Protein backbone atom coordinates (compact mmCIF):
# COMPACT_ATOMS: atom_id res chain seq x y z
CA UNK A 1 26.75 -4.11 -2.31
CA UNK A 2 25.57 -7.55 -3.45
CA UNK A 3 22.22 -9.22 -2.91
CA UNK A 4 23.85 -11.53 -0.37
CA UNK A 5 24.83 -8.66 1.96
CA UNK A 6 21.41 -7.03 1.51
CA UNK A 7 19.86 -10.29 2.73
CA UNK A 8 22.07 -10.33 5.86
CA UNK A 9 23.72 -13.49 4.68
CA UNK A 10 25.06 -14.69 8.06
CA UNK A 11 21.58 -14.53 9.65
CA UNK A 12 19.92 -16.33 6.75
CA UNK A 13 22.55 -19.05 6.75
CA UNK A 14 22.22 -19.51 10.53
CA UNK A 15 18.46 -19.91 10.12
CA UNK A 16 18.92 -22.51 7.39
CA UNK A 17 21.52 -24.38 9.42
CA UNK A 18 19.04 -24.46 12.33
CA UNK A 19 16.43 -25.97 10.01
CA UNK A 20 18.97 -28.54 8.89
CA UNK A 21 19.69 -29.52 12.47
CA UNK A 22 15.95 -29.83 13.28
CA UNK A 23 15.44 -32.11 10.30
CA UNK A 24 18.21 -34.40 11.47
CA UNK A 25 16.80 -34.49 14.99
CA UNK A 26 13.47 -35.59 13.43
CA UNK A 27 15.28 -38.41 11.63
CA UNK A 28 14.95 -36.78 8.19
CA UNK A 29 18.02 -36.94 5.95
CA UNK A 30 18.34 -33.47 4.35
CA UNK A 31 20.62 -34.88 1.63
CA UNK A 32 18.76 -37.76 0.02
CA UNK A 33 20.41 -40.61 -1.84
CA UNK A 34 18.19 -40.22 -4.90
CA UNK A 35 14.74 -39.76 -6.39
CA UNK A 36 13.09 -41.02 -9.58
CA UNK A 37 11.08 -38.32 -11.40
CA UNK A 38 8.68 -39.65 -14.00
CA UNK A 39 8.64 -36.46 -16.07
CA UNK A 40 10.41 -33.17 -16.62
CA UNK A 41 8.54 -29.94 -15.93
CA UNK A 42 8.33 -29.38 -19.67
CA UNK A 43 6.85 -32.82 -20.31
CA UNK A 44 4.48 -32.56 -17.37
CA UNK A 45 2.95 -29.39 -18.77
CA UNK A 46 1.94 -31.22 -21.94
CA UNK A 47 0.03 -33.98 -20.14
CA UNK A 48 -3.12 -32.13 -19.19
CA UNK A 49 -4.63 -31.47 -22.59
CA UNK A 50 -8.40 -30.97 -22.23
CA UNK A 51 -8.65 -33.09 -19.07
CA UNK A 52 -9.36 -31.57 -15.67
CA UNK A 53 -6.43 -33.35 -14.06
CA UNK A 54 -3.92 -36.11 -14.74
CA UNK A 55 -2.83 -39.19 -12.88
CA UNK A 56 -0.08 -38.43 -10.36
CA UNK A 57 3.39 -37.70 -11.75
CA UNK A 58 6.72 -37.18 -10.00
CA UNK A 59 8.97 -34.21 -10.62
CA UNK A 60 12.25 -33.09 -9.10
CA UNK A 61 13.93 -29.71 -9.07
CA UNK A 62 14.75 -26.56 -7.15
CA UNK A 63 12.19 -24.38 -5.35
CA UNK A 64 12.49 -20.88 -6.74
CA UNK A 65 9.56 -18.85 -5.38
CA UNK A 66 7.22 -19.64 -2.49
CA UNK A 67 3.96 -17.86 -1.60
CA UNK A 68 1.63 -18.60 1.34
CA UNK A 69 -2.10 -18.03 0.92
CA UNK A 70 -3.98 -19.25 3.98
CA UNK A 71 -4.16 -23.03 3.83
CA UNK A 72 -2.27 -23.12 0.53
CA UNK A 73 1.37 -22.76 -0.39
CA UNK A 74 2.28 -22.00 -4.00
CA UNK A 75 5.84 -22.48 -5.23
CA UNK A 76 7.71 -22.62 -8.51
CA UNK A 77 9.71 -25.77 -9.20
CA UNK A 78 12.62 -25.39 -11.65
CA UNK A 79 14.43 -28.28 -13.28
CA UNK A 80 16.80 -28.41 -16.24
CA UNK A 81 13.93 -27.94 -18.69
CA UNK A 82 11.79 -25.17 -17.23
CA UNK A 83 9.42 -24.31 -14.40
CA UNK A 84 6.04 -25.45 -13.16
CA UNK A 85 3.87 -24.17 -10.34
CA UNK A 86 3.31 -26.35 -7.27
CA UNK A 87 0.34 -26.08 -4.94
CA UNK A 88 0.45 -27.59 -1.46
CA UNK A 89 -2.94 -27.82 0.30
CA UNK A 90 -3.19 -28.25 4.09
CA UNK A 91 -6.34 -30.36 3.67
CA UNK A 92 -4.51 -32.79 1.37
CA UNK A 93 -1.12 -33.00 3.07
CA UNK A 94 -2.29 -32.75 6.67
CA UNK A 95 -1.00 -30.33 9.26
CA UNK A 96 2.43 -31.86 9.85
CA UNK A 97 3.44 -32.36 6.22
CA UNK A 98 1.94 -29.01 5.22
CA UNK A 99 4.02 -27.27 7.89
CA UNK A 100 7.14 -29.08 6.64
CA UNK A 101 6.43 -27.96 3.07
CA UNK A 102 5.82 -24.39 4.19
CA UNK A 103 9.15 -24.48 6.03
CA UNK A 104 11.10 -25.23 2.84
CA UNK A 105 13.35 -22.46 1.55
CA UNK A 106 13.99 -21.06 -1.89
CA UNK A 107 16.86 -23.03 -3.36
CA UNK A 108 15.93 -26.32 -1.69
CA UNK A 109 15.87 -29.27 -4.09
CA UNK A 110 12.75 -31.42 -3.71
CA UNK A 111 10.92 -34.32 -5.25
CA UNK A 112 7.15 -33.95 -5.52
CA UNK A 113 4.32 -36.25 -6.57
CA UNK A 114 0.76 -35.38 -7.52
CA UNK A 115 -1.66 -34.76 -10.39
CA UNK A 116 -1.41 -31.90 -12.85
CA UNK A 117 -4.38 -29.52 -13.05
CA UNK A 118 -5.17 -26.00 -14.15
CA UNK A 119 -5.93 -23.28 -11.57
CA UNK A 120 -8.82 -20.84 -11.88
CA UNK A 121 -6.34 -18.40 -13.37
CA UNK A 122 -5.46 -20.97 -15.99
CA UNK A 123 -1.96 -21.83 -14.75
CA UNK A 124 -0.82 -25.42 -15.14
CA UNK A 125 0.02 -26.65 -11.65
CA UNK A 126 1.09 -29.79 -9.80
CA UNK A 127 -1.03 -30.49 -6.71
CA UNK A 128 1.40 -31.81 -4.11
CA UNK A 129 0.18 -35.11 -2.64
CA UNK A 130 3.60 -36.03 -1.29
CA UNK A 131 7.08 -34.51 -1.31
CA UNK A 132 10.61 -35.25 -0.21
CA UNK A 133 13.44 -32.87 0.57
CA UNK A 134 16.37 -34.01 -1.56
CA UNK A 135 18.97 -31.32 -0.82
CA UNK A 136 18.77 -28.59 1.80
CA UNK A 137 20.16 -25.30 0.49
CA UNK A 138 22.22 -23.45 3.09
CA UNK A 139 22.84 -20.35 1.02
CA UNK A 140 19.99 -18.15 -0.31
CA UNK A 141 19.50 -17.49 -3.98
CA UNK A 142 19.76 -13.82 -5.01
CA UNK A 143 16.35 -12.19 -4.93
CA UNK A 144 17.33 -10.09 -7.92
CA UNK A 145 20.08 -10.71 -10.43
CA UNK A 146 21.04 -7.40 -12.01
CA UNK A 147 22.79 -8.60 -15.15
CA UNK A 148 25.72 -6.41 -16.06
CA UNK A 149 25.73 -4.75 -12.64
CA UNK A 150 26.83 -8.08 -11.21
CA UNK A 151 28.77 -9.33 -14.23
CA UNK A 152 31.82 -10.37 -12.20
CA UNK A 153 29.66 -12.32 -9.76
CA UNK A 154 27.80 -13.95 -12.65
CA UNK A 155 31.00 -15.25 -14.24
CA UNK A 156 32.67 -16.21 -10.98
CA UNK A 157 29.58 -17.91 -9.56
CA UNK A 158 28.30 -19.41 -12.80
CA UNK A 159 26.37 -22.03 -10.83
CA UNK A 160 24.16 -19.27 -9.40
CA UNK A 161 23.97 -17.50 -12.76
CA UNK A 162 22.59 -20.68 -14.34
CA UNK A 163 20.00 -21.08 -11.59
CA UNK A 164 18.84 -17.47 -11.73
CA UNK A 165 18.94 -16.73 -15.46
CA UNK A 166 17.18 -19.12 -17.85
CA UNK A 167 18.53 -17.14 -20.81
CA UNK A 168 22.07 -18.08 -19.73
CA UNK A 169 21.15 -21.76 -19.73
CA UNK A 170 19.71 -21.26 -23.21
CA UNK A 171 23.06 -19.90 -24.46
CA UNK A 172 24.92 -22.98 -23.28
CA UNK A 173 22.29 -25.32 -24.68
CA UNK A 174 22.77 -23.54 -28.01
CA UNK A 175 26.53 -23.94 -27.68
CA UNK A 176 26.11 -27.69 -27.25
CA UNK A 177 23.82 -27.87 -30.27
CA UNK A 178 26.29 -25.90 -32.40
CA UNK A 179 29.17 -28.22 -31.54
CA UNK A 180 26.98 -31.26 -32.17
CA UNK A 181 26.00 -29.87 -35.58
CA UNK A 182 29.64 -29.18 -36.49
CA UNK A 183 30.62 -32.72 -35.53
CA UNK A 184 27.67 -34.10 -37.48
CA UNK A 185 28.63 -32.33 -40.69
CA UNK A 186 32.28 -33.35 -40.46
CA UNK A 187 31.36 -36.93 -39.58
CA UNK A 188 29.01 -37.10 -42.58
CA UNK A 189 31.85 -36.01 -44.85
CA UNK A 190 34.17 -38.73 -43.68
CA UNK A 191 36.28 -36.79 -41.17
CA UNK A 192 37.54 -38.77 -38.17
CA UNK A 193 37.21 -37.19 -34.72
CA UNK A 194 40.58 -37.56 -32.96
CA UNK A 195 42.37 -36.44 -29.81
CA UNK A 196 45.91 -35.12 -29.71
CA UNK A 197 48.22 -34.23 -26.78
CA UNK A 198 47.48 -31.25 -24.57
CA UNK A 199 50.95 -31.45 -22.99
CA UNK A 200 53.59 -30.87 -25.65
CA UNK A 201 57.36 -30.54 -25.66
CA UNK A 202 57.13 -28.01 -28.51
CA UNK A 203 54.04 -25.74 -28.60
CA UNK A 204 53.61 -25.26 -32.34
CA UNK A 205 50.93 -24.50 -34.89
CA UNK A 206 50.40 -20.86 -34.01
CA UNK A 207 51.92 -17.58 -32.90
CA UNK A 208 51.26 -17.28 -29.17
CA UNK A 209 52.96 -17.35 -25.79
CA UNK A 210 52.37 -20.79 -24.20
CA UNK A 211 51.76 -21.84 -20.62
CA UNK A 212 54.68 -23.80 -19.22
CA UNK A 213 54.66 -26.52 -16.58
CA UNK A 214 57.00 -29.26 -15.37
CA UNK A 215 56.71 -33.02 -15.66
CA UNK A 216 58.18 -34.32 -12.43
CA UNK A 217 58.69 -37.95 -13.42
CA UNK A 218 60.45 -37.07 -16.66
CA UNK A 219 62.10 -34.02 -15.08
CA UNK A 220 61.50 -31.77 -18.04
CA UNK A 221 59.42 -28.76 -18.91
CA UNK A 222 56.35 -29.17 -21.10
CA UNK A 223 53.81 -26.74 -22.50
CA UNK A 224 50.05 -26.58 -22.84
CA UNK A 225 49.19 -26.65 -26.53
CA UNK A 226 48.46 -23.39 -28.33
CA UNK A 227 47.01 -25.13 -31.40
CA UNK A 228 46.11 -28.56 -32.75
CA UNK A 229 47.73 -28.32 -36.16
CA UNK A 230 51.01 -30.20 -36.12
CA UNK A 231 49.74 -33.41 -34.56
CA UNK A 232 46.75 -33.49 -36.90
CA UNK A 233 49.06 -33.15 -39.89
CA UNK A 234 51.13 -36.03 -38.55
CA UNK A 235 47.96 -38.13 -38.79
CA UNK A 236 47.63 -37.25 -42.48
CA UNK A 237 51.19 -38.47 -42.93
CA UNK A 238 50.11 -41.68 -41.22
CA UNK A 239 47.31 -42.32 -43.70
CA UNK A 240 44.19 -40.73 -42.26
CA UNK A 241 42.87 -38.50 -45.02
CA UNK A 242 40.30 -36.41 -43.11
CA UNK A 243 40.70 -35.62 -39.43
CA UNK A 244 39.37 -33.04 -37.00
CA UNK A 245 39.54 -32.19 -33.34
CA UNK A 246 37.43 -29.91 -31.18
CA UNK A 247 39.47 -29.22 -28.08
CA UNK A 248 40.76 -26.78 -25.53
CA UNK A 249 43.89 -24.80 -26.37
CA UNK A 250 45.79 -22.44 -24.10
CA UNK A 251 47.50 -19.13 -24.78
CA UNK A 252 49.24 -17.11 -22.09
CA UNK A 253 47.63 -13.83 -23.08
CA UNK A 254 45.47 -11.13 -21.56
CA UNK A 255 41.73 -11.06 -20.96
CA UNK A 256 39.33 -9.18 -23.21
CA UNK A 257 35.76 -9.52 -24.57
CA UNK A 258 37.27 -11.68 -27.35
CA UNK A 259 40.09 -13.46 -25.52
CA UNK A 260 40.23 -16.05 -22.76
CA UNK A 261 43.51 -17.82 -21.96
CA UNK A 262 41.83 -21.18 -22.56
CA UNK A 263 39.35 -21.54 -25.38
CA UNK A 264 37.82 -24.12 -27.70
CA UNK A 265 39.27 -24.59 -31.16
CA UNK A 266 38.08 -26.65 -34.11
CA UNK A 267 40.81 -27.72 -36.48
CA UNK A 268 40.30 -29.97 -39.51
CA UNK A 269 42.66 -31.26 -42.17
CA UNK A 270 41.60 -32.73 -45.49
CA UNK A 271 43.94 -34.54 -47.87
CA UNK A 272 43.85 -33.56 -51.56
CA UNK A 273 42.02 -30.30 -50.80
CA UNK A 274 43.10 -26.67 -51.09
CA UNK A 275 41.97 -23.44 -49.48
CA UNK A 276 39.18 -23.02 -52.02
CA UNK A 277 37.68 -26.31 -50.81
CA UNK A 278 38.05 -25.19 -47.22
CA UNK A 279 36.17 -21.94 -47.94
CA UNK A 280 33.19 -24.02 -49.03
CA UNK A 281 33.49 -26.12 -45.88
CA UNK A 282 33.49 -23.00 -43.70
CA UNK A 283 30.34 -21.67 -45.35
CA UNK A 284 28.62 -25.01 -44.79
CA UNK A 285 29.75 -25.18 -41.16
CA UNK A 286 28.37 -21.73 -40.43
CA UNK A 287 25.05 -22.59 -42.06
CA UNK A 288 24.54 -25.77 -40.01
CA UNK A 289 25.69 -23.98 -36.85
CA UNK A 290 23.17 -21.17 -37.35
CA UNK A 291 20.42 -23.72 -37.94
CA UNK A 292 21.38 -25.60 -34.78
CA UNK A 293 21.30 -22.37 -32.76
CA UNK A 294 17.91 -21.43 -34.18
CA UNK A 295 19.41 -18.32 -35.75
CA UNK A 296 18.41 -17.07 -39.23
CA UNK A 297 21.25 -16.44 -41.68
CA UNK A 298 20.01 -12.89 -42.24
CA UNK A 299 20.41 -11.82 -38.65
CA UNK A 300 22.09 -9.28 -36.38
CA UNK A 301 24.76 -9.14 -33.74
CA UNK A 302 24.56 -6.62 -30.90
CA UNK A 303 22.14 -4.57 -32.99
CA UNK A 304 24.18 -4.60 -36.22
CA UNK A 305 22.73 -6.38 -39.23
CA UNK A 306 24.79 -9.21 -40.69
CA UNK A 307 23.91 -11.68 -43.43
CA UNK A 308 25.59 -15.07 -43.13
CA UNK A 309 24.12 -16.42 -46.37
CA UNK A 310 26.84 -17.83 -48.67
CA UNK A 311 28.69 -17.26 -50.87
CA UNK A 312 30.90 -14.84 -48.96
CA UNK A 313 32.90 -12.05 -50.53
CA UNK A 314 36.52 -12.95 -51.37
CA UNK A 315 39.25 -10.31 -51.52
CA UNK A 316 43.05 -10.36 -51.55
CA UNK A 317 44.67 -8.73 -48.53
CA UNK A 318 46.89 -6.52 -50.69
CA UNK A 319 43.88 -5.28 -52.67
CA UNK A 320 41.94 -4.44 -49.52
CA UNK A 321 44.87 -2.54 -48.03
CA UNK A 322 45.26 -0.57 -51.25
CA UNK A 323 41.51 0.14 -51.33
CA UNK A 324 41.27 1.36 -47.74
CA UNK A 325 44.66 3.05 -47.31
CA UNK A 326 45.91 3.80 -50.81
CA UNK A 327 49.20 2.12 -49.88
CA UNK A 328 51.10 -0.80 -51.34
CA UNK A 329 53.07 -2.88 -48.88
CA UNK A 330 54.51 -6.33 -48.32
CA UNK A 331 55.27 -8.74 -45.51
CA UNK A 332 54.71 -7.68 -41.91
CA UNK A 333 53.89 -4.12 -42.94
CA UNK A 334 51.03 -5.30 -45.15
CA UNK A 335 49.55 -7.34 -42.30
CA UNK A 336 49.93 -4.46 -39.85
CA UNK A 337 48.12 -2.08 -42.22
CA UNK A 338 45.37 -4.65 -42.73
CA UNK A 339 44.81 -5.23 -39.02
CA UNK A 340 44.80 -1.53 -38.17
CA UNK A 341 42.92 0.02 -41.07
CA UNK A 342 40.96 -2.69 -42.85
CA UNK A 343 39.90 -5.55 -40.59
CA UNK A 344 37.69 -3.45 -38.27
CA UNK A 345 35.83 -2.09 -41.32
CA UNK A 346 34.93 -5.48 -42.82
CA UNK A 347 31.43 -5.96 -41.42
CA UNK A 348 29.78 -8.50 -43.72
CA UNK A 349 31.37 -11.99 -44.07
CA UNK A 350 34.57 -11.68 -46.12
CA UNK A 351 37.23 -14.23 -46.97
CA UNK A 352 40.48 -12.27 -46.89
CA UNK A 353 42.90 -14.32 -49.00
CA UNK A 354 46.59 -14.50 -49.87
CA UNK A 355 48.58 -13.50 -46.79
CA UNK A 356 52.29 -12.56 -46.75
CA UNK A 357 54.59 -15.56 -46.50
CA UNK A 358 56.47 -13.94 -43.59
CA UNK A 359 53.50 -14.36 -41.21
CA UNK A 360 52.35 -17.76 -42.51
CA UNK A 361 55.12 -20.30 -41.86
CA UNK A 362 52.90 -23.36 -42.41
CA UNK A 363 51.03 -22.33 -45.59
CA UNK A 364 51.75 -23.14 -49.24
CA UNK A 365 53.08 -20.25 -51.38
CA UNK A 366 51.12 -19.10 -54.39
CA UNK A 367 52.64 -20.46 -57.58
CA UNK A 368 52.11 -17.17 -59.42
CA UNK A 369 53.54 -14.97 -56.62
CA UNK A 370 55.51 -16.73 -53.85
CA UNK A 371 55.55 -13.55 -51.73
CA UNK A 372 52.06 -14.65 -50.71
CA UNK A 373 50.58 -17.91 -49.48
CA UNK A 374 47.28 -19.66 -50.08
CA UNK A 375 45.72 -18.63 -46.78
CA UNK A 376 42.45 -17.02 -45.81
CA UNK A 377 40.80 -15.64 -42.74
CA UNK A 378 37.05 -15.20 -42.49
CA UNK A 379 36.27 -11.75 -41.11
CA UNK A 380 32.78 -10.90 -39.84
CA UNK A 381 31.94 -7.65 -38.06
CA UNK A 382 35.63 -6.80 -37.85
CA UNK A 383 36.61 -10.08 -36.15
CA UNK A 384 38.42 -13.20 -37.32
CA UNK A 385 36.26 -16.33 -37.22
CA UNK A 386 38.30 -18.81 -39.26
CA UNK A 387 41.90 -19.22 -40.40
CA UNK A 388 42.83 -21.70 -43.12
CA UNK A 389 45.61 -22.68 -45.51
CA UNK A 390 46.49 -24.76 -48.42
CA UNK A 391 49.09 -26.49 -46.29
CA UNK A 392 52.81 -26.44 -46.96
CA UNK A 393 53.94 -30.00 -47.76
CA UNK A 394 57.51 -29.32 -48.94
CA UNK A 395 59.82 -30.36 -46.06
CA UNK A 396 62.78 -28.37 -47.46
CA UNK A 397 60.74 -25.14 -47.60
CA UNK A 398 59.22 -25.93 -44.19
CA UNK A 399 62.65 -26.31 -42.61
CA UNK A 400 63.79 -22.99 -44.05
CA UNK A 401 60.72 -21.26 -42.65
CA UNK A 402 61.16 -22.83 -39.23
CA UNK A 403 64.77 -21.67 -39.24
CA UNK A 404 63.65 -18.13 -40.05
CA UNK A 405 61.13 -18.31 -37.21
CA UNK A 406 63.80 -19.66 -34.86
CA UNK A 407 65.98 -16.67 -35.69
CA UNK A 408 63.08 -14.38 -34.78
CA UNK A 409 62.68 -16.22 -31.45
CA UNK A 410 66.38 -15.84 -30.76
CA UNK A 411 66.00 -12.12 -31.42
CA UNK A 412 63.30 -11.88 -28.75
CA UNK A 413 59.99 -12.68 -30.49
CA UNK A 414 58.55 -15.18 -28.00
CA UNK A 415 55.54 -15.83 -30.26
CA UNK A 416 57.58 -16.88 -33.30
CA UNK A 417 57.12 -20.52 -34.28
CA UNK A 418 59.64 -22.89 -32.63
CA UNK A 419 61.73 -25.42 -34.52
CA UNK A 420 60.05 -28.85 -34.48
CA UNK A 421 62.40 -31.52 -35.75
CA UNK A 422 59.91 -34.36 -35.27
CA UNK A 423 57.31 -32.60 -37.40
CA UNK A 424 59.93 -32.05 -40.10
CA UNK A 425 60.83 -35.73 -39.89
CA UNK A 426 57.15 -36.65 -40.27
CA UNK A 427 56.58 -34.61 -43.41
CA UNK A 428 59.82 -35.91 -44.89
CA UNK A 429 57.95 -39.22 -45.11
CA UNK A 430 55.41 -37.36 -47.24
CA UNK A 431 52.47 -35.13 -46.29
CA UNK A 432 49.75 -35.31 -48.96
CA UNK A 433 48.39 -32.10 -50.49
CA UNK A 434 45.85 -30.84 -47.97
CA UNK A 435 43.73 -27.99 -46.75
CA UNK A 436 43.59 -27.10 -43.08
CA UNK A 437 41.12 -25.06 -41.05
CA UNK A 438 40.88 -23.51 -37.61
CA UNK A 439 37.67 -22.01 -36.20
CA UNK A 440 37.35 -20.40 -32.78
CA UNK A 441 34.26 -22.14 -31.44
CA UNK A 442 33.66 -19.59 -28.68
CA UNK A 443 33.56 -16.65 -31.10
CA UNK A 444 31.19 -18.56 -33.37
CA UNK A 445 28.89 -19.22 -30.43
CA UNK A 446 29.09 -15.54 -29.43
CA UNK A 447 27.95 -14.56 -32.91
CA UNK A 448 25.11 -17.07 -33.13
CA UNK A 449 23.78 -16.40 -29.61
CA UNK A 450 24.28 -12.62 -29.78
CA UNK A 451 26.56 -12.47 -26.73
CA UNK A 452 28.89 -9.47 -26.25
CA UNK A 453 31.78 -11.21 -24.48
CA UNK A 454 33.60 -14.52 -24.80
CA UNK A 455 33.01 -14.96 -21.07
CA UNK A 456 29.28 -15.16 -21.82
CA UNK A 457 29.80 -18.38 -23.79
CA UNK A 458 32.45 -20.09 -21.62
CA UNK A 459 30.93 -21.74 -18.58
CA UNK A 460 33.86 -21.01 -16.27
CA UNK A 461 36.02 -18.24 -17.76
CA UNK A 462 39.37 -17.26 -16.32
CA UNK A 463 38.90 -14.49 -13.74
CA UNK A 464 41.11 -12.14 -11.80
CA UNK A 465 41.77 -13.19 -8.22
CA UNK A 466 38.76 -12.72 -5.99
CA UNK A 467 39.31 -9.83 -3.60
């Protein structure tokens, strides 16, 4: 049973609709055109200082709690920055306006004007000298919001979750700050922020099942992108030497605490760099992201200690598999052993380097052992946070690898990389030596805000159909 049914939702909504109708009969518009607050609640609280009261200020926000005490009404006003107490006094407002204020409901959005003072209990308060109903709320806010008990409601009705839970708003403010910090670092280092197509004829750059749709005017099927890689590399061919994109990508996969079918990916490509350079970039990106989120580098995630201070451990995949399983393997088998027996046990930040060539069709082979490529993944607490290569620039080798992947697709592997003749044509013009990087932004935000599920850091996650 939800809070809404406990409140007898139909009766509450009828009562609020009746209030709405009465306001309109009185000539009061319950949905105002606008209002000009002079301060936020946070700024208003700083005005008082040692004074007894301030000059009048105007605030706007949502009424959250209302309490009647004789000729006074106390209420909490919440805006995008915090809360402040309001006090409406019958002797100041007069009988008619006081009754109108007392008739307001929790959830109503109002504009208020009056001085700031401190009550006898020491609480900073706005004394309401005038007010205006800006938006009448027809649906009651939940009186209690039980966290995980109502997790499906929280994700599905994120708008209510954000109203009721200030800690949720704090997570998404932190997310914004992290992305801003990432952009800032890349911009400082000469990377250009670009945008590449979401609709693609060939969904390349990763191993994943794409979403498919149809372009009516062109009468052909197109796909939502699964990665950003191939278009960004085309830009390096065209002469941009450092590019990045932070954008939504789409993979037609299941839901889990770590997977959402649409998610935010950072990809960057840097000419004349290799995967060693990219490791340094990743360490720097994590440091500035932690700082932006207000998170110390020596921190914890879901109760488990983790130290994000560089430099991070670097280990070859084959060596780790031998260490943890006692087995030597190659190709797909090596990767399977790593994912099953090793990856979950890597708790502190570790760059796992030198992946099998069979699972890395876009990475440069090692010169000393071409069975492996110059690729790394950053593993923290048993999860992948970054994937990077020294990129393959040889168009002959790239074609051979695409052909091998195409054979795998023909044999039934729908996630094998498709043949992309235009990309091959592009790199035949000459792709400079380069290092590429992909970071799952949502997972990084999860780590730095200590959230257990990817749905806690995506404002509107994909949900099952509402029953």
